[in-house]
Amino acid sequence: MLKNDLPAFNGDDSWTLPMPSRYVIGQDGSILYAEINPDYTHRPDPSELLPSLKAIATRATV
């Protein structure tokens, strides 16, 4: 992505970067986990994601 592409990427004329985020979305479209943090260097601890991933695995085997 080039610097001049940022407004087109955002869908508006702002020069604001998108907010870093992570989602776990179930096959039914429900959001099982959402984490949004303006500090792109922060990563969630795996223990925060594990329950959501286990829920998906449980649904898949039923």
C-alpha atoms as a PDB file:
ATOM      1  CA  MET A   1       0.000   0.000   0.000  1.00  0.00           C
ATOM      2  CA  LEU A   2       1.334   3.394  -0.932  1.00  0.00           C
ATOM      3  CA  LYS A   3       0.956   6.499   1.232  1.00  0.00           C
ATOM      4  CA  ASN A   4      -1.438   8.005  -1.313  1.00  0.00           C
ATOM      5  CA  ASP A   5      -3.644   4.892  -1.108  1.00  0.00           C
ATOM      6  CA  LEU A   6      -4.553   5.412   2.565  1.00  0.00           C
ATOM      7  CA  PRO A   7      -7.656   7.573   1.984  1.00  0.00           C
ATOM      8  CA  ALA A   8      -8.990   5.027  -0.524  1.00  0.00           C
ATOM      9  CA  PHE A   9      -8.247   2.167   1.890  1.00  0.00           C
ATOM     10  CA  ASN A  10     -10.165   3.935   4.682  1.00  0.00           C
ATOM     11  CA  GLY A  11     -13.113   4.674   2.418  1.00  0.00           C
ATOM     12  CA  ASP A  12     -12.932   8.394   3.263  1.00  0.00           C
ATOM     13  CA  ASP A  13     -10.599  11.357   2.948  1.00  0.00           C
ATOM     14  CA  SER A  14      -8.936  10.948   6.358  1.00  0.00           C
ATOM     15  CA  TRP A  15      -5.315   9.999   6.849  1.00  0.00           C
ATOM     16  CA  THR A  16      -6.143   7.950   9.951  1.00  0.00           C
ATOM     17  CA  LEU A  17      -4.672   4.471  10.157  1.00  0.00           C
ATOM     18  CA  PRO A  18      -7.060   1.611  10.930  1.00  0.00           C
ATOM     19  CA  MET A  19      -7.182   0.455  14.565  1.00  0.00           C
ATOM     20  CA  PRO A  20      -5.330  -2.854  15.099  1.00  0.00           C
ATOM     21  CA  SER A  21      -7.811  -5.551  16.076  1.00  0.00           C
ATOM     22  CA  ARG A  22      -8.251  -9.308  16.269  1.00  0.00           C
ATOM     23  CA  TYR A  23     -11.457 -11.289  16.091  1.00  0.00           C
ATOM     24  CA  VAL A  24     -12.498 -14.898  16.476  1.00  0.00           C
ATOM     25  CA  ILE A  25     -15.699 -15.404  14.507  1.00  0.00           C
ATOM     26  CA  GLY A  26     -17.764 -18.571  14.674  1.00  0.00           C
ATOM     27  CA  GLN A  27     -19.081 -20.320  11.569  1.00  0.00           C
ATOM     28  CA  ASP A  28     -22.515 -18.905  12.358  1.00  0.00           C
ATOM     29  CA  GLY A  29     -21.076 -15.370  12.143  1.00  0.00           C
ATOM     30  CA  SER A  30     -21.138 -14.681  15.880  1.00  0.00           C
ATOM     31  CA  ILE A  31     -18.147 -12.833  17.351  1.00  0.00           C
ATOM     32  CA  LEU A  32     -16.638 -15.045  20.031  1.00  0.00           C
ATOM     33  CA  TYR A  33     -13.656 -12.846  20.818  1.00  0.00           C
ATOM     34  CA  ALA A  34     -12.767  -9.244  20.010  1.00  0.00           C
ATOM     35  CA  GLU A  35      -9.640  -7.365  20.976  1.00  0.00           C
ATOM     36  CA  ILE A  36      -8.923  -3.820  19.834  1.00  0.00           C
ATOM     37  CA  ASN A  37      -5.853  -1.953  20.979  1.00  0.00           C
ATOM     38  CA  PRO A  38      -4.325   1.199  19.501  1.00  0.00           C
ATOM     39  CA  ASP A  39      -0.874  -0.126  20.460  1.00  0.00           C
ATOM     40  CA  TYR A  40      -0.028  -2.427  17.546  1.00  0.00           C
ATOM     41  CA  THR A  41       2.840  -3.945  19.554  1.00  0.00           C
ATOM     42  CA  HIS A  42       0.435  -5.388  22.157  1.00  0.00           C
ATOM     43  CA  ARG A  43      -0.552  -8.975  21.537  1.00  0.00           C
ATOM     44  CA  PRO A  44      -3.222 -10.774  23.556  1.00  0.00           C
ATOM     45  CA  ASP A  45      -2.076 -13.567  25.818  1.00  0.00           C
ATOM     46  CA  PRO A  46      -2.939 -16.962  24.298  1.00  0.00           C
ATOM     47  CA  SER A  47      -4.969 -17.772  27.428  1.00  0.00           C
ATOM     48  CA  GLU A  48      -7.375 -14.976  26.409  1.00  0.00           C
ATOM     49  CA  LEU A  49      -8.031 -16.580  23.017  1.00  0.00           C
ATOM     50  CA  LEU A  50      -8.093 -20.230  24.064  1.00  0.00           C
ATOM     51  CA  PRO A  51     -11.690 -20.324  25.414  1.00  0.00           C
ATOM     52  CA  SER A  52     -13.001 -18.911  22.125  1.00  0.00           C
ATOM     53  CA  LEU A  53     -11.042 -21.402  20.076  1.00  0.00           C
ATOM     54  CA  LYS A  54     -12.231 -24.263  22.284  1.00  0.00           C
ATOM     55  CA  ALA A  55     -15.826 -23.092  21.791  1.00  0.00           C
ATOM     56  CA  ILE A  56     -15.376 -23.300  18.016  1.00  0.00           C
ATOM     57  CA  ALA A  57     -13.842 -26.773  18.294  1.00  0.00           C
ATOM     58  CA  THR A  58     -16.732 -27.933  20.494  1.00  0.00           C
ATOM     59  CA  ARG A  59     -19.323 -26.608  18.038  1.00  0.00           C
ATOM     60  CA  ALA A  60     -17.554 -28.299  15.126  1.00  0.00           C
ATOM     61  CA  THR A  61     -17.687 -31.736  16.755  1.00  0.00           C
ATOM     62  CA  VAL A  62     -21.384 -31.563  17.672  1.00  0.00           C
END
